[in-house]
Amino acid sequence: MADAIRFDDFMKVDIRVGRVVKSEPYPEARKPAIKMWIDFGPEIGEKKTSAQITAHYTPEVLVGRQVVAVINFPPRQIGRFMSEVLVLGLSDSDGEIVLLGPDKDVPVGERMH
C-alpha cells in the first residue's frame, strides 16, 4: 500500500476527461504503442500522447472514445514524439493496459473530483 497523502496533494494532480479525435500507430516506439490526439475542450485544447495499449486497442477503435488523463505533468519525449498528457489505465490479468474512462458521456475537459 502506498504512503498516505493529504487531500491537498491529491488535488494538485489535474485529471480530466477528453475525447480521442485522432489516433495512429507508433511503430517507431521501442514497445508497440499508439499515438493519440485528445480534445480536452476549449479551456485546455487538444493534447497528444502515446500509450502502450496495442493488446486491446487499434487506432480506429480509439477515435471518439472518452479517456481519462493527467494533464499537468511536464511534456515527455517518447522517441521522436512529444507526449503532453498521461492517459490512465489499469493492467489486466496478463499485464496489458485497459484504459480508464467514464461509463457515461461527460463534457470534455471535466475534472475528476
PDB file of N, CA and C in Angstrom:
ATOM      1  N   MET A   1       0.846  -1.183   0.000  1.00  0.00           N
ATOM      2  CA  MET A   1       0.000   0.000   0.000  1.00  0.00           C
ATOM      3  C   MET A   1       0.886   1.240   0.000  1.00  0.00           C
ATOM      4  N   ALA A   2       0.476   2.243  -0.743  1.00  0.00           N
ATOM      5  CA  ALA A   2       1.240   3.486  -0.849  1.00  0.00           C
ATOM      6  C   ALA A   2       1.119   4.308   0.427  1.00  0.00           C
ATOM      7  N   ASP A   3       2.076   5.200   0.623  1.00  0.00           N
ATOM      8  CA  ASP A   3       2.022   6.108   1.767  1.00  0.00           C
ATOM      9  C   ASP A   3       0.800   7.015   1.645  1.00  0.00           C
ATOM     10  N   ALA A   4       0.243   7.376   2.781  1.00  0.00           N
ATOM     11  CA  ALA A   4      -0.901   8.288   2.811  1.00  0.00           C
ATOM     12  C   ALA A   4      -0.467   9.673   2.340  1.00  0.00           C
ATOM     13  N   ILE A   5      -1.353  10.353   1.615  1.00  0.00           N
ATOM     14  CA  ILE A   5      -1.106  11.724   1.198  1.00  0.00           C
ATOM     15  C   ILE A   5      -2.260  12.589   1.688  1.00  0.00           C
ATOM     16  N   ARG A   6      -2.023  13.870   1.699  1.00  0.00           N
ATOM     17  CA  ARG A   6      -3.077  14.800   2.082  1.00  0.00           C
ATOM     18  C   ARG A   6      -3.968  15.087   0.879  1.00  0.00           C
ATOM     19  N   PHE A   7      -5.209  15.457   1.135  1.00  0.00           N
ATOM     20  CA  PHE A   7      -6.146  15.771   0.068  1.00  0.00           C
ATOM     21  C   PHE A   7      -5.609  16.887  -0.824  1.00  0.00           C
ATOM     22  N   ASP A   8      -4.957  17.877  -0.220  1.00  0.00           N
ATOM     23  CA  ASP A   8      -4.384  18.980  -0.996  1.00  0.00           C
ATOM     24  C   ASP A   8      -3.366  18.466  -2.013  1.00  0.00           C
ATOM     25  N   ASP A   9      -2.590  17.436  -1.623  1.00  0.00           N
ATOM     26  CA  ASP A   9      -1.624  16.850  -2.554  1.00  0.00           C
ATOM     27  C   ASP A   9      -2.345  16.191  -3.722  1.00  0.00           C
ATOM     28  N   PHE A  10      -3.403  15.463  -3.448  1.00  0.00           N
ATOM     29  CA  PHE A  10      -4.180  14.810  -4.499  1.00  0.00           C
ATOM     30  C   PHE A  10      -4.751  15.834  -5.473  1.00  0.00           C
ATOM     31  N   MET A  11      -5.239  16.948  -4.956  1.00  0.00           N
ATOM     32  CA  MET A  11      -5.864  17.970  -5.799  1.00  0.00           C
ATOM     33  C   MET A  11      -4.860  18.652  -6.733  1.00  0.00           C
ATOM     34  N   LYS A  12      -3.559  18.501  -6.480  1.00  0.00           N
ATOM     35  CA  LYS A  12      -2.545  19.050  -7.382  1.00  0.00           C
ATOM     36  C   LYS A  12      -2.499  18.285  -8.698  1.00  0.00           C
ATOM     37  N   VAL A  13      -2.963  17.043  -8.688  1.00  0.00           N
ATOM     38  CA  VAL A  13      -2.975  16.230  -9.902  1.00  0.00           C
ATOM     39  C   VAL A  13      -4.250  16.574 -10.674  1.00  0.00           C
ATOM     40  N   ASP A  14      -4.074  17.146 -11.856  1.00  0.00           N
ATOM     41  CA  ASP A  14      -5.210  17.584 -12.668  1.00  0.00           C
ATOM     42  C   ASP A  14      -5.606  16.451 -13.616  1.00  0.00           C
ATOM     43  N   ILE A  15      -6.665  15.737 -13.258  1.00  0.00           N
ATOM     44  CA  ILE A  15      -7.143  14.593 -14.025  1.00  0.00           C
ATOM     45  C   ILE A  15      -8.432  15.010 -14.721  1.00  0.00           C
ATOM     46  N   ARG A  16      -8.430  14.902 -16.060  1.00  0.00           N
ATOM     47  CA  ARG A  16      -9.561  15.362 -16.869  1.00  0.00           C
ATOM     48  C   ARG A  16      -9.989  14.287 -17.856  1.00  0.00           C
ATOM     49  N   VAL A  17     -11.212  14.449 -18.341  1.00  0.00           N
ATOM     50  CA  VAL A  17     -11.701  13.574 -19.400  1.00  0.00           C
ATOM     51  C   VAL A  17     -11.547  14.305 -20.732  1.00  0.00           C
ATOM     52  N   GLY A  18     -11.143  13.539 -21.736  1.00  0.00           N
ATOM     53  CA  GLY A  18     -11.025  14.076 -23.077  1.00  0.00           C
ATOM     54  C   GLY A  18     -11.554  13.061 -24.081  1.00  0.00           C
ATOM     55  N   ARG A  19     -11.722  13.508 -25.316  1.00  0.00           N
ATOM     56  CA  ARG A  19     -12.204  12.629 -26.381  1.00  0.00           C
ATOM     57  C   ARG A  19     -11.094  12.484 -27.428  1.00  0.00           C
ATOM     58  N   VAL A  20     -10.778  11.241 -27.774  1.00  0.00           N
ATOM     59  CA  VAL A  20      -9.762  10.975 -28.789  1.00  0.00           C
ATOM     60  C   VAL A  20     -10.307  11.443 -30.142  1.00  0.00           C
ATOM     61  N   VAL A  21      -9.591  12.366 -30.786  1.00  0.00           N
ATOM     62  CA  VAL A  21     -10.024  12.901 -32.074  1.00  0.00           C
ATOM     63  C   VAL A  21      -9.198  12.351 -33.234  1.00  0.00           C
ATOM     64  N   LYS A  22      -8.019  11.842 -32.927  1.00  0.00           N
ATOM     65  CA  LYS A  22      -7.146  11.268 -33.948  1.00  0.00           C
ATOM     66  C   LYS A  22      -6.274  10.227 -33.270  1.00  0.00           C
ATOM     67  N   SER A  23      -5.977   9.165 -33.997  1.00  0.00           N
ATOM     68  CA  SER A  23      -5.172   8.094 -33.427  1.00  0.00           C
ATOM     69  C   SER A  23      -4.449   7.376 -34.562  1.00  0.00           C
ATOM     70  N   GLU A  24      -3.186   7.012 -34.312  1.00  0.00           N
ATOM     71  CA  GLU A  24      -2.436   6.302 -35.339  1.00  0.00           C
ATOM     72  C   GLU A  24      -1.369   5.414 -34.703  1.00  0.00           C
ATOM     73  N   PRO A  25      -0.935   4.385 -35.425  1.00  0.00           N
ATOM     74  CA  PRO A  25       0.116   3.516 -34.887  1.00  0.00           C
ATOM     75  C   PRO A  25       1.403   4.312 -34.651  1.00  0.00           C
ATOM     76  N   TYR A  26       2.225   3.820 -33.739  1.00  0.00           N
ATOM     77  CA  TYR A  26       3.523   4.438 -33.465  1.00  0.00           C
ATOM     78  C   TYR A  26       4.593   3.356 -33.578  1.00  0.00           C
ATOM     79  N   PRO A  27       4.897   2.929 -34.798  1.00  0.00           N
ATOM     80  CA  PRO A  27       5.826   1.818 -34.991  1.00  0.00           C
ATOM     81  C   PRO A  27       7.269   2.131 -34.582  1.00  0.00           C
ATOM     82  N   GLU A  28       7.621   3.419 -34.486  1.00  0.00           N
ATOM     83  CA  GLU A  28       8.989   3.782 -34.103  1.00  0.00           C
ATOM     84  C   GLU A  28       9.247   3.617 -32.599  1.00  0.00           C
ATOM     85  N   ALA A  29       8.215   3.437 -31.822  1.00  0.00           N
ATOM     86  CA  ALA A  29       8.370   3.285 -30.361  1.00  0.00           C
ATOM     87  C   ALA A  29       9.094   1.971 -30.053  1.00  0.00           C
ATOM     88  N   ARG A  30       9.826   1.949 -28.936  1.00  0.00           N
ATOM     89  CA  ARG A  30      10.546   0.722 -28.543  1.00  0.00           C
ATOM     90  C   ARG A  30       9.590  -0.438 -28.323  1.00  0.00           C
ATOM     91  N   LYS A  31       8.471  -0.169 -27.657  1.00  0.00           N
ATOM     92  CA  LYS A  31       7.416  -1.173 -27.464  1.00  0.00           C
ATOM     93  C   LYS A  31       6.224  -0.719 -28.280  1.00  0.00           C
ATOM     94  N   PRO A  32       5.426  -1.662 -28.804  1.00  0.00           N
ATOM     95  CA  PRO A  32       4.281  -1.259 -29.620  1.00  0.00           C
ATOM     96  C   PRO A  32       3.407  -0.237 -28.886  1.00  0.00           C
ATOM     97  N   ALA A  33       3.061   0.831 -29.608  1.00  0.00           N
ATOM     98  CA  ALA A  33       2.294   1.921 -28.994  1.00  0.00           C
ATOM     99  C   ALA A  33       1.367   2.545 -30.034  1.00  0.00           C
ATOM    100  N   ILE A  34       0.481   3.383 -29.527  1.00  0.00           N
ATOM    101  CA  ILE A  34      -0.457   4.130 -30.363  1.00  0.00           C
ATOM    102  C   ILE A  34      -0.353   5.600 -29.972  1.00  0.00           C
ATOM    103  N   LYS A  35      -0.297   6.476 -30.977  1.00  0.00           N
ATOM    104  CA  LYS A  35      -0.328   7.918 -30.746  1.00  0.00           C
ATOM    105  C   LYS A  35      -1.782   8.367 -30.755  1.00  0.00           C
ATOM    106  N   MET A  36      -2.112   9.261 -29.828  1.00  0.00           N
ATOM    107  CA  MET A  36      -3.471   9.786 -29.754  1.00  0.00           C
ATOM    108  C   MET A  36      -3.442  11.302 -29.606  1.00  0.00           C
ATOM    109  N   TRP A  37      -4.394  11.956 -30.249  1.00  0.00           N
ATOM    110  CA  TRP A  37      -4.649  13.376 -30.075  1.00  0.00           C
ATOM    111  C   TRP A  37      -5.997  13.468 -29.381  1.00  0.00           C
ATOM    112  N   ILE A  38      -6.024  14.136 -28.227  1.00  0.00           N
ATOM    113  CA  ILE A  38      -7.200  14.131 -27.357  1.00  0.00           C
ATOM    114  C   ILE A  38      -7.693  15.557 -27.150  1.00  0.00           C
ATOM    115  N   ASP A  39      -8.996  15.770 -27.369  1.00  0.00           N
ATOM    116  CA  ASP A  39      -9.632  17.071 -27.162  1.00  0.00           C
ATOM    117  C   ASP A  39     -10.098  17.164 -25.717  1.00  0.00           C
ATOM    118  N   PHE A  40      -9.575  18.161 -24.987  1.00  0.00           N
ATOM    119  CA  PHE A  40      -9.975  18.400 -23.604  1.00  0.00           C
ATOM    120  C   PHE A  40     -10.856  19.642 -23.474  1.00  0.00           C
ATOM    121  N   GLY A  41     -11.457  20.078 -24.567  1.00  0.00           N
ATOM    122  CA  GLY A  41     -12.370  21.210 -24.518  1.00  0.00           C
ATOM    123  C   GLY A  41     -11.672  22.532 -24.743  1.00  0.00           C
ATOM    124  N   PRO A  42     -12.461  23.627 -24.821  1.00  0.00           N
ATOM    125  CA  PRO A  42     -11.905  24.936 -25.186  1.00  0.00           C
ATOM    126  C   PRO A  42     -10.905  25.499 -24.179  1.00  0.00           C
ATOM    127  N   GLU A  43     -11.049  25.184 -22.913  1.00  0.00           N
ATOM    128  CA  GLU A  43     -10.139  25.731 -21.895  1.00  0.00           C
ATOM    129  C   GLU A  43      -8.731  25.153 -22.027  1.00  0.00           C
ATOM    130  N   ILE A  44      -8.621  23.869 -22.338  1.00  0.00           N
ATOM    131  CA  ILE A  44      -7.334  23.174 -22.372  1.00  0.00           C
ATOM    132  C   ILE A  44      -6.871  22.920 -23.804  1.00  0.00           C
ATOM    133  N   GLY A  45      -7.802  22.593 -24.677  1.00  0.00           N
ATOM    134  CA  GLY A  45      -7.466  22.338 -26.066  1.00  0.00           C
ATOM    135  C   GLY A  45      -7.095  20.889 -26.332  1.00  0.00           C
ATOM    136  N   GLU A  46      -6.456  20.684 -27.453  1.00  0.00           N
ATOM    137  CA  GLU A  46      -6.056  19.346 -27.881  1.00  0.00           C
ATOM    138  C   GLU A  46      -4.639  19.052 -27.405  1.00  0.00           C
ATOM    139  N   LYS A  47      -4.444  17.869 -26.839  1.00  0.00           N
ATOM    140  CA  LYS A  47      -3.139  17.417 -26.362  1.00  0.00           C
ATOM    141  C   LYS A  47      -2.852  16.061 -26.982  1.00  0.00           C
ATOM    142  N   LYS A  48      -1.575  15.721 -27.089  1.00  0.00           N
ATOM    143  CA  LYS A  48      -1.210  14.441 -27.679  1.00  0.00           C
ATOM    144  C   LYS A  48      -0.464  13.571 -26.675  1.00  0.00           C
ATOM    145  N   THR A  49      -0.521  12.272 -26.939  1.00  0.00           N
ATOM    146  CA  THR A  49       0.145  11.308 -26.072  1.00  0.00           C
ATOM    147  C   THR A  49       0.411  10.038 -26.864  1.00  0.00           C
ATOM    148  N   SER A  50       1.262   9.192 -26.322  1.00  0.00           N
ATOM    149  CA  SER A  50       1.407   7.842 -26.865  1.00  0.00           C
ATOM    150  C   SER A  50       1.222   6.872 -25.704  1.00  0.00           C
ATOM    151  N   ALA A  51       0.679   5.708 -26.024  1.00  0.00           N
ATOM    152  CA  ALA A  51       0.393   4.732 -24.975  1.00  0.00           C
ATOM    153  C   ALA A  51       0.616   3.318 -25.505  1.00  0.00           C
ATOM    154  N   GLN A  52       1.122   2.464 -24.634  1.00  0.00           N
ATOM    155  CA  GLN A  52       1.353   1.060 -24.976  1.00  0.00           C
ATOM    156  C   GLN A  52       0.075   0.269 -24.699  1.00  0.00           C
ATOM    157  N   ILE A  53      -0.879   0.410 -25.613  1.00  0.00           N
ATOM    158  CA  ILE A  53      -2.210  -0.167 -25.416  1.00  0.00           C
ATOM    159  C   ILE A  53      -2.636  -1.048 -26.589  1.00  0.00           C
ATOM    160  N   THR A  54      -1.661  -1.531 -27.357  1.00  0.00           N
ATOM    161  CA  THR A  54      -1.976  -2.251 -28.597  1.00  0.00           C
ATOM    162  C   THR A  54      -2.578  -3.635 -28.375  1.00  0.00           C
ATOM    163  N   ALA A  55      -2.509  -4.193 -27.185  1.00  0.00           N
ATOM    164  CA  ALA A  55      -3.090  -5.519 -26.938  1.00  0.00           C
ATOM    165  C   ALA A  55      -4.617  -5.478 -27.012  1.00  0.00           C
ATOM    166  N   HIS A  56      -5.211  -4.370 -26.579  1.00  0.00           N
ATOM    167  CA  HIS A  56      -6.676  -4.275 -26.527  1.00  0.00           C
ATOM    168  C   HIS A  56      -7.275  -3.262 -27.496  1.00  0.00           C
ATOM    169  N   TYR A  57      -6.449  -2.414 -28.110  1.00  0.00           N
ATOM    170  CA  TYR A  57      -6.983  -1.324 -28.917  1.00  0.00           C
ATOM    171  C   TYR A  57      -6.248  -1.202 -30.248  1.00  0.00           C
ATOM    172  N   THR A  58      -6.977  -0.741 -31.239  1.00  0.00           N
ATOM    173  CA  THR A  58      -6.395  -0.320 -32.514  1.00  0.00           C
ATOM    174  C   THR A  58      -6.663   1.174 -32.629  1.00  0.00           C
ATOM    175  N   PRO A  59      -5.896   1.868 -33.460  1.00  0.00           N
ATOM    176  CA  PRO A  59      -6.152   3.302 -33.604  1.00  0.00           C
ATOM    177  C   PRO A  59      -7.590   3.612 -34.002  1.00  0.00           C
ATOM    178  N   GLU A  60      -8.183   2.783 -34.843  1.00  0.00           N
ATOM    179  CA  GLU A  60      -9.532   3.040 -35.338  1.00  0.00           C
ATOM    180  C   GLU A  60     -10.588   3.010 -34.231  1.00  0.00           C
ATOM    181  N   VAL A  61     -10.455   2.097 -33.272  1.00  0.00           N
ATOM    182  CA  VAL A  61     -11.484   1.994 -32.230  1.00  0.00           C
ATOM    183  C   VAL A  61     -11.350   3.086 -31.171  1.00  0.00           C
ATOM    184  N   LEU A  62     -10.210   3.762 -31.138  1.00  0.00           N
ATOM    185  CA  LEU A  62     -10.000   4.796 -30.126  1.00  0.00           C
ATOM    186  C   LEU A  62     -10.651   6.124 -30.484  1.00  0.00           C
ATOM    187  N   VAL A  63     -10.763   6.434 -31.758  1.00  0.00           N
ATOM    188  CA  VAL A  63     -11.331   7.718 -32.185  1.00  0.00           C
ATOM    189  C   VAL A  63     -12.786   7.808 -31.717  1.00  0.00           C
ATOM    190  N   GLY A  64     -13.081   8.896 -31.012  1.00  0.00           N
ATOM    191  CA  GLY A  64     -14.418   9.116 -30.469  1.00  0.00           C
ATOM    192  C   GLY A  64     -14.576   8.652 -29.028  1.00  0.00           C
ATOM    193  N   ARG A  65     -13.641   7.869 -28.536  1.00  0.00           N
ATOM    194  CA  ARG A  65     -13.714   7.333 -27.175  1.00  0.00           C
ATOM    195  C   ARG A  65     -13.297   8.399 -26.157  1.00  0.00           C
ATOM    196  N   GLN A  66     -13.979   8.419 -25.021  1.00  0.00           N
ATOM    197  CA  GLN A  66     -13.562   9.291 -23.921  1.00  0.00           C
ATOM    198  C   GLN A  66     -12.547   8.553 -23.050  1.00  0.00           C
ATOM    199  N   VAL A  67     -11.480   9.267 -22.683  1.00  0.00           N
ATOM    200  CA  VAL A  67     -10.419   8.716 -21.849  1.00  0.00           C
ATOM    201  C   VAL A  67     -10.130   9.679 -20.710  1.00  0.00           C
ATOM    202  N   VAL A  68      -9.495   9.177 -19.677  1.00  0.00           N
ATOM    203  CA  VAL A  68      -9.117   9.974 -18.513  1.00  0.00           C
ATOM    204  C   VAL A  68      -7.601  10.130 -18.529  1.00  0.00           C
ATOM    205  N   ALA A  69      -7.128  11.361 -18.286  1.00  0.00           N
ATOM    206  CA  ALA A  69      -5.691  11.623 -18.362  1.00  0.00           C
ATOM    207  C   ALA A  69      -5.263  12.665 -17.339  1.00  0.00           C
ATOM    208  N   VAL A  70      -4.006  12.558 -16.915  1.00  0.00           N
ATOM    209  CA  VAL A  70      -3.363  13.597 -16.112  1.00  0.00           C
ATOM    210  C   VAL A  70      -2.839  14.624 -17.111  1.00  0.00           C
ATOM    211  N   ILE A  71      -3.265  15.881 -16.948  1.00  0.00           N
ATOM    212  CA  ILE A  71      -2.894  16.890 -17.937  1.00  0.00           C
ATOM    213  C   ILE A  71      -1.820  17.858 -17.448  1.00  0.00           C
ATOM    214  N   ASN A  72      -1.398  17.757 -16.178  1.00  0.00           N
ATOM    215  CA  ASN A  72      -0.427  18.739 -15.685  1.00  0.00           C
ATOM    216  C   ASN A  72       0.948  18.147 -15.362  1.00  0.00           C
ATOM    217  N   PHE A  73       1.304  17.029 -16.000  1.00  0.00           N
ATOM    218  CA  PHE A  73       2.691  16.565 -15.975  1.00  0.00           C
ATOM    219  C   PHE A  73       3.449  17.355 -17.038  1.00  0.00           C
ATOM    220  N   PRO A  74       4.761  17.540 -16.866  1.00  0.00           N
ATOM    221  CA  PRO A  74       5.510  18.185 -17.945  1.00  0.00           C
ATOM    222  C   PRO A  74       5.541  17.277 -19.180  1.00  0.00           C
ATOM    223  N   PRO A  75       5.620  17.850 -20.384  1.00  0.00           N
ATOM    224  CA  PRO A  75       5.719  17.027 -21.593  1.00  0.00           C
ATOM    225  C   PRO A  75       6.918  16.085 -21.508  1.00  0.00           C
ATOM    226  N   ARG A  76       6.782  14.931 -22.169  1.00  0.00           N
ATOM    227  CA  ARG A  76       7.833  13.909 -22.113  1.00  0.00           C
ATOM    228  C   ARG A  76       8.121  13.418 -23.531  1.00  0.00           C
ATOM    229  N   GLN A  77       9.389  13.412 -23.883  1.00  0.00           N
ATOM    230  CA  GLN A  77       9.795  12.950 -25.208  1.00  0.00           C
ATOM    231  C   GLN A  77       9.745  11.422 -25.243  1.00  0.00           C
ATOM    232  N   ILE A  78       8.955  10.871 -26.176  1.00  0.00           N
ATOM    233  CA  ILE A  78       8.856   9.425 -26.376  1.00  0.00           C
ATOM    234  C   ILE A  78       9.347   9.172 -27.796  1.00  0.00           C
ATOM    235  N   GLY A  79      10.616   8.826 -27.930  1.00  0.00           N
ATOM    236  CA  GLY A  79      11.197   8.707 -29.265  1.00  0.00           C
ATOM    237  C   GLY A  79      11.191  10.075 -29.926  1.00  0.00           C
ATOM    238  N   ARG A  80      10.611  10.162 -31.134  1.00  0.00           N
ATOM    239  CA  ARG A  80      10.516  11.447 -31.827  1.00  0.00           C
ATOM    240  C   ARG A  80       9.186  12.142 -31.579  1.00  0.00           C
ATOM    241  N   PHE A  81       8.419  11.655 -30.618  1.00  0.00           N
ATOM    242  CA  PHE A  81       7.072  12.161 -30.351  1.00  0.00           C
ATOM    243  C   PHE A  81       7.027  12.781 -28.960  1.00  0.00           C
ATOM    244  N   MET A  82       6.454  13.988 -28.851  1.00  0.00           N
ATOM    245  CA  MET A  82       6.330  14.655 -27.557  1.00  0.00           C
ATOM    246  C   MET A  82       4.968  14.328 -26.959  1.00  0.00           C
ATOM    247  N   SER A  83       4.975  13.628 -25.832  1.00  0.00           N
ATOM    248  CA  SER A  83       3.745  13.264 -25.133  1.00  0.00           C
ATOM    249  C   SER A  83       3.422  14.356 -24.125  1.00  0.00           C
ATOM    250  N   GLU A  84       2.201  14.895 -24.211  1.00  0.00           N
ATOM    251  CA  GLU A  84       1.817  16.040 -23.382  1.00  0.00           C
ATOM    252  C   GLU A  84       0.931  15.684 -22.199  1.00  0.00           C
ATOM    253  N   VAL A  85       0.301  14.509 -22.232  1.00  0.00           N
ATOM    254  CA  VAL A  85      -0.561  14.074 -21.133  1.00  0.00           C
ATOM    255  C   VAL A  85      -0.316  12.596 -20.868  1.00  0.00           C
ATOM    256  N   LEU A  86      -0.741  12.128 -19.706  1.00  0.00           N
ATOM    257  CA  LEU A  86      -0.637  10.714 -19.354  1.00  0.00           C
ATOM    258  C   LEU A  86      -2.038  10.124 -19.277  1.00  0.00           C
ATOM    259  N   VAL A  87      -2.369   9.286 -20.258  1.00  0.00           N
ATOM    260  CA  VAL A  87      -3.657   8.604 -20.265  1.00  0.00           C
ATOM    261  C   VAL A  87      -3.609   7.513 -19.206  1.00  0.00           C
ATOM    262  N   LEU A  88      -4.692   7.376 -18.435  1.00  0.00           N
ATOM    263  CA  LEU A  88      -4.712   6.439 -17.321  1.00  0.00           C
ATOM    264  C   LEU A  88      -5.342   5.111 -17.696  1.00  0.00           C
ATOM    265  N   GLY A  89      -4.802   4.044 -17.123  1.00  0.00           N
ATOM    266  CA  GLY A  89      -5.322   2.709 -17.367  1.00  0.00           C
ATOM    267  C   GLY A  89      -4.944   1.775 -16.242  1.00  0.00           C
ATOM    268  N   LEU A  90      -5.441   0.565 -16.334  1.00  0.00           N
ATOM    269  CA  LEU A  90      -5.160  -0.491 -15.353  1.00  0.00           C
ATOM    270  C   LEU A  90      -4.653  -1.713 -16.097  1.00  0.00           C
ATOM    271  N   SER A  91      -3.860  -2.528 -15.428  1.00  0.00           N
ATOM    272  CA  SER A  91      -3.376  -3.769 -16.035  1.00  0.00           C
ATOM    273  C   SER A  91      -4.410  -4.871 -15.890  1.00  0.00           C
ATOM    274  N   ASP A  92      -4.614  -5.621 -16.984  1.00  0.00           N
ATOM    275  CA  ASP A  92      -5.475  -6.794 -16.897  1.00  0.00           C
ATOM    276  C   ASP A  92      -4.668  -7.963 -16.325  1.00  0.00           C
ATOM    277  N   SER A  93      -5.228  -9.163 -16.305  1.00  0.00           N
ATOM    278  CA  SER A  93      -4.546 -10.312 -15.697  1.00  0.00           C
ATOM    279  C   SER A  93      -3.285 -10.716 -16.454  1.00  0.00           C
ATOM    280  N   ASP A  94      -3.132 -10.256 -17.703  1.00  0.00           N
ATOM    281  CA  ASP A  94      -1.922 -10.542 -18.485  1.00  0.00           C
ATOM    282  C   ASP A  94      -0.930  -9.381 -18.453  1.00  0.00           C
ATOM    283  N   GLY A  95      -1.255  -8.332 -17.701  1.00  0.00           N
ATOM    284  CA  GLY A  95      -0.372  -7.174 -17.622  1.00  0.00           C
ATOM    285  C   GLY A  95      -0.557  -6.174 -18.746  1.00  0.00           C
ATOM    286  N   GLU A  96      -1.587  -6.347 -19.554  1.00  0.00           N
ATOM    287  CA  GLU A  96      -1.869  -5.423 -20.654  1.00  0.00           C
ATOM    288  C   GLU A  96      -2.786  -4.303 -20.171  1.00  0.00           C
ATOM    289  N   ILE A  97      -2.601  -3.122 -20.725  1.00  0.00           N
ATOM    290  CA  ILE A  97      -3.311  -1.941 -20.241  1.00  0.00           C
ATOM    291  C   ILE A  97      -4.732  -1.845 -20.802  1.00  0.00           C
ATOM    292  N   VAL A  98      -5.673  -1.569 -19.893  1.00  0.00           N
ATOM    293  CA  VAL A  98      -7.070  -1.285 -20.209  1.00  0.00           C
ATOM    294  C   VAL A  98      -7.310   0.168 -19.808  1.00  0.00           C
ATOM    295  N   LEU A  99      -7.772   0.982 -20.745  1.00  0.00           N
ATOM    296  CA  LEU A  99      -7.960   2.411 -20.488  1.00  0.00           C
ATOM    297  C   LEU A  99      -9.080   2.685 -19.499  1.00  0.00           C
ATOM    298  N   LEU A 100      -8.893   3.747 -18.719  1.00  0.00           N
ATOM    299  CA  LEU A 100      -9.953   4.245 -17.840  1.00  0.00           C
ATOM    300  C   LEU A 100     -10.762   5.289 -18.602  1.00  0.00           C
ATOM    301  N   GLY A 101     -12.056   5.281 -18.375  1.00  0.00           N
ATOM    302  CA  GLY A 101     -12.927   6.273 -18.994  1.00  0.00           C
ATOM    303  C   GLY A 101     -14.279   6.235 -18.319  1.00  0.00           C
ATOM    304  N   PRO A 102     -15.059   7.294 -18.477  1.00  0.00           N
ATOM    305  CA  PRO A 102     -16.383   7.316 -17.854  1.00  0.00           C
ATOM    306  C   PRO A 102     -17.309   6.302 -18.522  1.00  0.00           C
ATOM    307  N   ASP A 103     -18.254   5.768 -17.748  1.00  0.00           N
ATOM    308  CA  ASP A 103     -19.203   4.808 -18.327  1.00  0.00           C
ATOM    309  C   ASP A 103     -20.408   5.513 -18.961  1.00  0.00           C
ATOM    310  N   LYS A 104     -20.487   6.829 -18.811  1.00  0.00           N
ATOM    311  CA  LYS A 104     -21.488   7.648 -19.492  1.00  0.00           C
ATOM    312  C   LYS A 104     -20.751   8.847 -20.090  1.00  0.00           C
ATOM    313  N   ASP A 105     -21.259   9.379 -21.186  1.00  0.00           N
ATOM    314  CA  ASP A 105     -20.640  10.533 -21.826  1.00  0.00           C
ATOM    315  C   ASP A 105     -20.692  11.735 -20.886  1.00  0.00           C
ATOM    316  N   VAL A 106     -19.561  12.417 -20.730  1.00  0.00           N
ATOM    317  CA  VAL A 106     -19.480  13.633 -19.912  1.00  0.00           C
ATOM    318  C   VAL A 106     -18.819  14.725 -20.747  1.00  0.00           C
ATOM    319  N   PRO A 107     -18.983  15.994 -20.369  1.00  0.00           N
ATOM    320  CA  PRO A 107     -18.355  17.069 -21.139  1.00  0.00           C
ATOM    321  C   PRO A 107     -16.827  16.934 -21.135  1.00  0.00           C
ATOM    322  N   VAL A 108     -16.226  17.102 -22.323  1.00  0.00           N
ATOM    323  CA  VAL A 108     -14.758  17.055 -22.382  1.00  0.00           C
ATOM    324  C   VAL A 108     -14.185  18.187 -21.545  1.00  0.00           C
ATOM    325  N   GLY A 109     -13.075  17.896 -20.901  1.00  0.00           N
ATOM    326  CA  GLY A 109     -12.437  18.870 -20.011  1.00  0.00           C
ATOM    327  C   GLY A 109     -12.895  18.754 -18.569  1.00  0.00           C
ATOM    328  N   GLU A 110     -13.932  17.966 -18.319  1.00  0.00           N
ATOM    329  CA  GLU A 110     -14.438  17.810 -16.948  1.00  0.00           C
ATOM    330  C   GLU A 110     -13.321  17.260 -16.061  1.00  0.00           C
ATOM    331  N   ARG A 111     -13.132  17.907 -14.915  1.00  0.00           N
ATOM    332  CA  ARG A 111     -12.091  17.493 -13.969  1.00  0.00           C
ATOM    333  C   ARG A 111     -12.624  16.429 -13.034  1.00  0.00           C
ATOM    334  N   MET A 112     -11.786  15.431 -12.759  1.00  0.00           N
ATOM    335  CA  MET A 112     -12.161  14.397 -11.803  1.00  0.00           C
ATOM    336  C   MET A 112     -12.212  15.001 -10.405  1.00  0.00           C
ATOM    337  N   HIS A 113     -13.264  14.644  -9.667  1.00  0.00           N
ATOM    338  CA  HIS A 113     -13.374  15.092  -8.269  1.00  0.00           C
ATOM    339  C   HIS A 113     -14.114  14.081  -7.465  1.00  0.00           C
TER     340      HIS A 113
END
